[in-house]
Amino acid sequence: MIRLFSLVFLALTLCGCKKKSVRLTVRVHNPTADVVELSGLNFKKSFIIDSNGEGWVEFDAVPMTYKFLNGSDSTDIFLRNGYNLHMNYVNGKIEKTLKFSGDGEKVNVAMQKIIRNNKDLRVKLDMYKDEPSKAVQYIEMHFERNKLISENSGLDKMEQRALIPKIMKGT
């Protein structure tokens, strides 16, 4: 009986130690490019999008923001081991149609909100270029809005830290 218990315990321990990788699944509506490129610091990986617009990649990830590129569509996404993230968008309209689901959804939705907020900042700063006090006031509001997005998205500490460069960048 003790041997049986020991074997079961050993099997459970070994299964629990297996390092989980990240899996990214992509669905592109009306695809034109058949290769997706994912790049990060000292990292570059390509994978195929089939004729139905579907593709996936699985790898051991360093927790960080990666650049996602498919033809003319590109965006930043945060990946780390254990995520099983699904991306879905219409070709040529990634900014307006991108949807996430699965593990890693919350941080990537928050990141996309911050990216859009940063684009709004550039437009507003152009509008206020002759009114410095309004520009400063808008910049302060902008950073506060980005901070609130990060804090109120249900993210863990690592995911919040991943958003700091986007929050601080502002453009």
C-alpha atoms as a PDB file:
ATOM      1  CA  MET A   1       0.000   0.000   0.000  1.00  0.00           C
ATOM      2  CA  ILE A   2       2.823   2.387   0.852  1.00  0.00           C
ATOM      3  CA  ARG A   3       4.514   1.599  -2.472  1.00  0.00           C
ATOM      4  CA  LEU A   4       1.308   2.303  -4.364  1.00  0.00           C
ATOM      5  CA  PHE A   5       0.888   5.610  -2.525  1.00  0.00           C
ATOM      6  CA  SER A   6       4.542   6.494  -3.223  1.00  0.00           C
ATOM      7  CA  LEU A   7       4.157   5.744  -6.943  1.00  0.00           C
ATOM      8  CA  VAL A   8       0.976   7.827  -7.202  1.00  0.00           C
ATOM      9  CA  PHE A   9       2.642  10.697  -5.309  1.00  0.00           C
ATOM     10  CA  LEU A  10       5.732  10.503  -7.545  1.00  0.00           C
ATOM     11  CA  ALA A  11       3.607  10.508 -10.723  1.00  0.00           C
ATOM     12  CA  LEU A  12       1.588  13.518  -9.546  1.00  0.00           C
ATOM     13  CA  THR A  13       4.755  15.365  -8.570  1.00  0.00           C
ATOM     14  CA  LEU A  14       6.403  14.754 -11.942  1.00  0.00           C
ATOM     15  CA  CYS A  15       3.279  15.814 -13.831  1.00  0.00           C
ATOM     16  CA  GLY A  16       3.028  18.976 -11.749  1.00  0.00           C
ATOM     17  CA  CYS A  17       6.640  19.950 -12.499  1.00  0.00           C
ATOM     18  CA  LYS A  18       6.164  20.060 -16.242  1.00  0.00           C
ATOM     19  CA  LYS A  19       6.773  23.567 -17.497  1.00  0.00           C
ATOM     20  CA  LYS A  20       3.798  24.942 -19.417  1.00  0.00           C
ATOM     21  CA  SER A  21       4.503  26.846 -22.589  1.00  0.00           C
ATOM     22  CA  VAL A  22       2.419  29.589 -24.161  1.00  0.00           C
ATOM     23  CA  ARG A  23       0.015  28.812 -26.998  1.00  0.00           C
ATOM     24  CA  LEU A  24      -1.184  31.571 -29.308  1.00  0.00           C
ATOM     25  CA  THR A  25      -4.031  30.797 -31.692  1.00  0.00           C
ATOM     26  CA  VAL A  26      -4.917  33.284 -34.415  1.00  0.00           C
ATOM     27  CA  ARG A  27      -8.043  33.591 -36.578  1.00  0.00           C
ATOM     28  CA  VAL A  28      -7.834  36.190 -39.374  1.00  0.00           C
ATOM     29  CA  HIS A  29     -10.958  36.966 -41.388  1.00  0.00           C
ATOM     30  CA  ASN A  30     -10.201  37.636 -45.094  1.00  0.00           C
ATOM     31  CA  PRO A  31      -6.508  36.698 -44.804  1.00  0.00           C
ATOM     32  CA  THR A  32      -4.017  37.943 -47.393  1.00  0.00           C
ATOM     33  CA  ALA A  33      -0.694  37.141 -45.706  1.00  0.00           C
ATOM     34  CA  ASP A  34       0.016  33.497 -44.938  1.00  0.00           C
ATOM     35  CA  VAL A  35       2.762  34.019 -42.346  1.00  0.00           C
ATOM     36  CA  VAL A  36       2.582  35.605 -38.917  1.00  0.00           C
ATOM     37  CA  GLU A  37       5.728  36.914 -37.299  1.00  0.00           C
ATOM     38  CA  LEU A  38       6.112  37.201 -33.559  1.00  0.00           C
ATOM     39  CA  SER A  39       9.146  39.037 -32.244  1.00  0.00           C
ATOM     40  CA  GLY A  40      10.544  40.190 -28.947  1.00  0.00           C
ATOM     41  CA  LEU A  41      13.868  40.852 -27.290  1.00  0.00           C
ATOM     42  CA  ASN A  42      16.291  38.295 -28.825  1.00  0.00           C
ATOM     43  CA  PHE A  43      13.303  36.334 -30.130  1.00  0.00           C
ATOM     44  CA  LYS A  44      11.684  35.822 -33.507  1.00  0.00           C
ATOM     45  CA  LYS A  45       9.204  33.137 -34.487  1.00  0.00           C
ATOM     46  CA  SER A  46       7.060  32.701 -37.602  1.00  0.00           C
ATOM     47  CA  PHE A  47       4.051  30.500 -38.118  1.00  0.00           C
ATOM     48  CA  ILE A  48       1.679  29.728 -40.979  1.00  0.00           C
ATOM     49  CA  ILE A  49      -1.866  31.011 -41.420  1.00  0.00           C
ATOM     50  CA  ASP A  50      -3.832  28.494 -43.491  1.00  0.00           C
ATOM     51  CA  SER A  51      -6.351  29.326 -46.235  1.00  0.00           C
ATOM     52  CA  ASN A  52      -9.123  29.496 -43.598  1.00  0.00           C
ATOM     53  CA  GLY A  53      -7.191  32.229 -41.785  1.00  0.00           C
ATOM     54  CA  GLU A  54      -6.236  30.042 -38.842  1.00  0.00           C
ATOM     55  CA  GLY A  55      -2.854  29.351 -37.303  1.00  0.00           C
ATOM     56  CA  TRP A  56      -1.130  28.758 -33.997  1.00  0.00           C
ATOM     57  CA  VAL A  57       2.249  28.652 -32.339  1.00  0.00           C
ATOM     58  CA  GLU A  58       3.441  27.168 -29.072  1.00  0.00           C
ATOM     59  CA  PHE A  59       6.737  27.996 -27.378  1.00  0.00           C
ATOM     60  CA  ASP A  60       8.440  28.678 -24.044  1.00  0.00           C
ATOM     61  CA  ALA A  61       7.943  32.392 -23.482  1.00  0.00           C
ATOM     62  CA  VAL A  62       9.872  34.947 -21.550  1.00  0.00           C
ATOM     63  CA  PRO A  63       7.139  37.084 -19.912  1.00  0.00           C
ATOM     64  CA  MET A  64       7.167  40.251 -22.014  1.00  0.00           C
ATOM     65  CA  THR A  65       5.477  42.238 -24.744  1.00  0.00           C
ATOM     66  CA  TYR A  66       5.868  40.760 -28.216  1.00  0.00           C
ATOM     67  CA  LYS A  67       5.285  42.430 -31.571  1.00  0.00           C
ATOM     68  CA  PHE A  68       2.639  40.591 -33.628  1.00  0.00           C
ATOM     69  CA  LEU A  69       2.925  41.158 -37.393  1.00  0.00           C
ATOM     70  CA  ASN A  70       0.748  39.731 -40.172  1.00  0.00           C
ATOM     71  CA  GLY A  71       1.138  41.579 -43.466  1.00  0.00           C
ATOM     72  CA  SER A  72       0.198  45.205 -42.799  1.00  0.00           C
ATOM     73  CA  ASP A  73      -1.494  44.354 -39.485  1.00  0.00           C
ATOM     74  CA  SER A  74       0.569  44.686 -36.322  1.00  0.00           C
ATOM     75  CA  THR A  75       0.071  45.149 -32.616  1.00  0.00           C
ATOM     76  CA  ASP A  76       1.742  44.456 -29.287  1.00  0.00           C
ATOM     77  CA  ILE A  77       0.692  41.495 -27.145  1.00  0.00           C
ATOM     78  CA  PHE A  78       1.849  40.290 -23.736  1.00  0.00           C
ATOM     79  CA  LEU A  79       2.675  36.574 -23.460  1.00  0.00           C
ATOM     80  CA  ARG A  80       3.976  34.332 -20.711  1.00  0.00           C
ATOM     81  CA  ASN A  81       4.069  30.590 -20.079  1.00  0.00           C
ATOM     82  CA  GLY A  82       0.724  29.091 -19.147  1.00  0.00           C
ATOM     83  CA  TYR A  83      -1.280  31.379 -21.437  1.00  0.00           C
ATOM     84  CA  ASN A  84      -3.573  29.836 -24.029  1.00  0.00           C
ATOM     85  CA  LEU A  85      -4.481  33.050 -25.855  1.00  0.00           C
ATOM     86  CA  HIS A  86      -6.786  33.323 -28.858  1.00  0.00           C
ATOM     87  CA  MET A  87      -6.733  36.338 -31.204  1.00  0.00           C
ATOM     88  CA  ASN A  88      -9.479  37.050 -33.723  1.00  0.00           C
ATOM     89  CA  TYR A  89      -9.597  40.011 -36.147  1.00  0.00           C
ATOM     90  CA  VAL A  90     -10.480  41.178 -39.656  1.00  0.00           C
ATOM     91  CA  ASN A  91      -7.537  41.590 -42.019  1.00  0.00           C
ATOM     92  CA  GLY A  92      -6.594  45.247 -42.496  1.00  0.00           C
ATOM     93  CA  LYS A  93      -8.701  46.343 -39.496  1.00  0.00           C
ATOM     94  CA  ILE A  94      -6.798  44.936 -36.538  1.00  0.00           C
ATOM     95  CA  GLU A  95      -7.118  48.123 -34.448  1.00  0.00           C
ATOM     96  CA  LYS A  96     -10.921  48.146 -34.682  1.00  0.00           C
ATOM     97  CA  THR A  97     -11.752  44.429 -34.740  1.00  0.00           C
ATOM     98  CA  LEU A  98      -9.163  42.690 -32.540  1.00  0.00           C
ATOM     99  CA  LYS A  99     -10.697  40.415 -29.905  1.00  0.00           C
ATOM    100  CA  PHE A 100      -8.931  38.257 -27.354  1.00  0.00           C
ATOM    101  CA  SER A 101     -10.136  35.233 -25.421  1.00  0.00           C
ATOM    102  CA  GLY A 102      -8.567  32.632 -23.164  1.00  0.00           C
ATOM    103  CA  ASP A 103      -5.738  32.931 -20.647  1.00  0.00           C
ATOM    104  CA  GLY A 104      -4.034  36.296 -21.082  1.00  0.00           C
ATOM    105  CA  GLU A 105      -7.166  38.034 -22.346  1.00  0.00           C
ATOM    106  CA  LYS A 106      -7.377  40.651 -19.569  1.00  0.00           C
ATOM    107  CA  VAL A 107      -3.846  42.018 -19.894  1.00  0.00           C
ATOM    108  CA  ASN A 108      -4.043  42.157 -23.686  1.00  0.00           C
ATOM    109  CA  VAL A 109      -7.431  43.911 -23.676  1.00  0.00           C
ATOM    110  CA  ALA A 110      -5.992  46.460 -21.212  1.00  0.00           C
ATOM    111  CA  MET A 111      -2.901  46.890 -23.413  1.00  0.00           C
ATOM    112  CA  GLN A 112      -5.053  47.581 -26.488  1.00  0.00           C
ATOM    113  CA  LYS A 113      -7.031  50.205 -24.536  1.00  0.00           C
ATOM    114  CA  ILE A 114      -3.798  51.902 -23.524  1.00  0.00           C
ATOM    115  CA  ILE A 115      -2.468  51.778 -27.105  1.00  0.00           C
ATOM    116  CA  ARG A 116      -5.675  53.470 -28.343  1.00  0.00           C
ATOM    117  CA  ASN A 117      -5.471  56.002 -25.516  1.00  0.00           C
ATOM    118  CA  ASN A 118      -1.878  56.789 -26.514  1.00  0.00           C
ATOM    119  CA  LYS A 119      -2.960  57.426 -30.111  1.00  0.00           C
ATOM    120  CA  ASP A 120      -5.631  59.822 -28.810  1.00  0.00           C
ATOM    121  CA  LEU A 121      -2.894  61.628 -26.879  1.00  0.00           C
ATOM    122  CA  ARG A 122      -0.925  62.318 -30.054  1.00  0.00           C
ATOM    123  CA  VAL A 123      -4.019  63.779 -31.738  1.00  0.00           C
ATOM    124  CA  LYS A 124      -4.852  65.960 -28.721  1.00  0.00           C
ATOM    125  CA  LEU A 125      -1.287  67.221 -28.388  1.00  0.00           C
ATOM    126  CA  ASP A 126      -1.400  68.325 -32.020  1.00  0.00           C
ATOM    127  CA  MET A 127      -4.670  70.152 -31.265  1.00  0.00           C
ATOM    128  CA  TYR A 128      -3.210  71.853 -28.176  1.00  0.00           C
ATOM    129  CA  LYS A 129       0.212  72.711 -29.589  1.00  0.00           C
ATOM    130  CA  ASP A 130      -0.529  76.442 -29.244  1.00  0.00           C
ATOM    131  CA  GLU A 131      -2.065  76.050 -25.761  1.00  0.00           C
ATOM    132  CA  PRO A 132       0.629  74.558 -23.484  1.00  0.00           C
ATOM    133  CA  SER A 133      -1.470  74.656 -20.305  1.00  0.00           C
ATOM    134  CA  LYS A 134      -4.238  72.584 -21.947  1.00  0.00           C
ATOM    135  CA  ALA A 135      -1.634  70.184 -23.321  1.00  0.00           C
ATOM    136  CA  VAL A 136      -0.131  69.634 -19.857  1.00  0.00           C
ATOM    137  CA  GLN A 137      -3.595  69.166 -18.367  1.00  0.00           C
ATOM    138  CA  TYR A 138      -4.465  66.589 -21.029  1.00  0.00           C
ATOM    139  CA  ILE A 139      -1.167  64.716 -20.525  1.00  0.00           C
ATOM    140  CA  GLU A 140      -1.856  64.427 -16.783  1.00  0.00           C
ATOM    141  CA  MET A 141      -5.371  63.135 -17.478  1.00  0.00           C
ATOM    142  CA  HIS A 142      -3.984  60.717 -20.075  1.00  0.00           C
ATOM    143  CA  PHE A 143      -1.484  59.105 -17.683  1.00  0.00           C
ATOM    144  CA  GLU A 144      -4.124  58.847 -14.959  1.00  0.00           C
ATOM    145  CA  ARG A 145      -6.515  57.118 -17.394  1.00  0.00           C
ATOM    146  CA  ASN A 146      -3.812  54.623 -18.417  1.00  0.00           C
ATOM    147  CA  LYS A 147      -2.978  53.942 -14.773  1.00  0.00           C
ATOM    148  CA  LEU A 148      -6.667  53.280 -13.997  1.00  0.00           C
ATOM    149  CA  ILE A 149      -6.952  50.897 -16.957  1.00  0.00           C
ATOM    150  CA  SER A 150      -4.009  48.919 -15.597  1.00  0.00           C
ATOM    151  CA  GLU A 151      -5.173  48.908 -11.976  1.00  0.00           C
ATOM    152  CA  ASN A 152      -8.818  48.043 -12.673  1.00  0.00           C
ATOM    153  CA  SER A 153      -8.398  45.258 -15.218  1.00  0.00           C
ATOM    154  CA  GLY A 154      -8.036  42.394 -12.728  1.00  0.00           C
ATOM    155  CA  LEU A 155      -4.383  41.858 -13.615  1.00  0.00           C
ATOM    156  CA  ASP A 156      -1.742  40.262 -11.458  1.00  0.00           C
ATOM    157  CA  LYS A 157       1.415  42.218 -10.549  1.00  0.00           C
ATOM    158  CA  MET A 158       3.488  40.828 -13.438  1.00  0.00           C
ATOM    159  CA  GLU A 159       0.802  41.782 -15.964  1.00  0.00           C
ATOM    160  CA  GLN A 160       0.525  45.281 -14.474  1.00  0.00           C
ATOM    161  CA  ARG A 161       4.300  45.714 -14.702  1.00  0.00           C
ATOM    162  CA  ALA A 162       4.148  44.661 -18.372  1.00  0.00           C
ATOM    163  CA  LEU A 163       1.864  47.634 -19.070  1.00  0.00           C
ATOM    164  CA  ILE A 164       4.136  50.255 -17.455  1.00  0.00           C
ATOM    165  CA  PRO A 165       6.182  50.952 -20.626  1.00  0.00           C
ATOM    166  CA  LYS A 166       2.950  51.502 -22.569  1.00  0.00           C
ATOM    167  CA  ILE A 167       1.545  53.760 -19.863  1.00  0.00           C
ATOM    168  CA  MET A 168       4.704  55.829 -19.638  1.00  0.00           C
ATOM    169  CA  LYS A 169       5.360  55.955 -23.377  1.00  0.00           C
ATOM    170  CA  GLY A 170       2.325  58.080 -24.086  1.00  0.00           C
ATOM    171  CA  THR A 171       2.852  57.943 -27.834  1.00  0.00           C
END
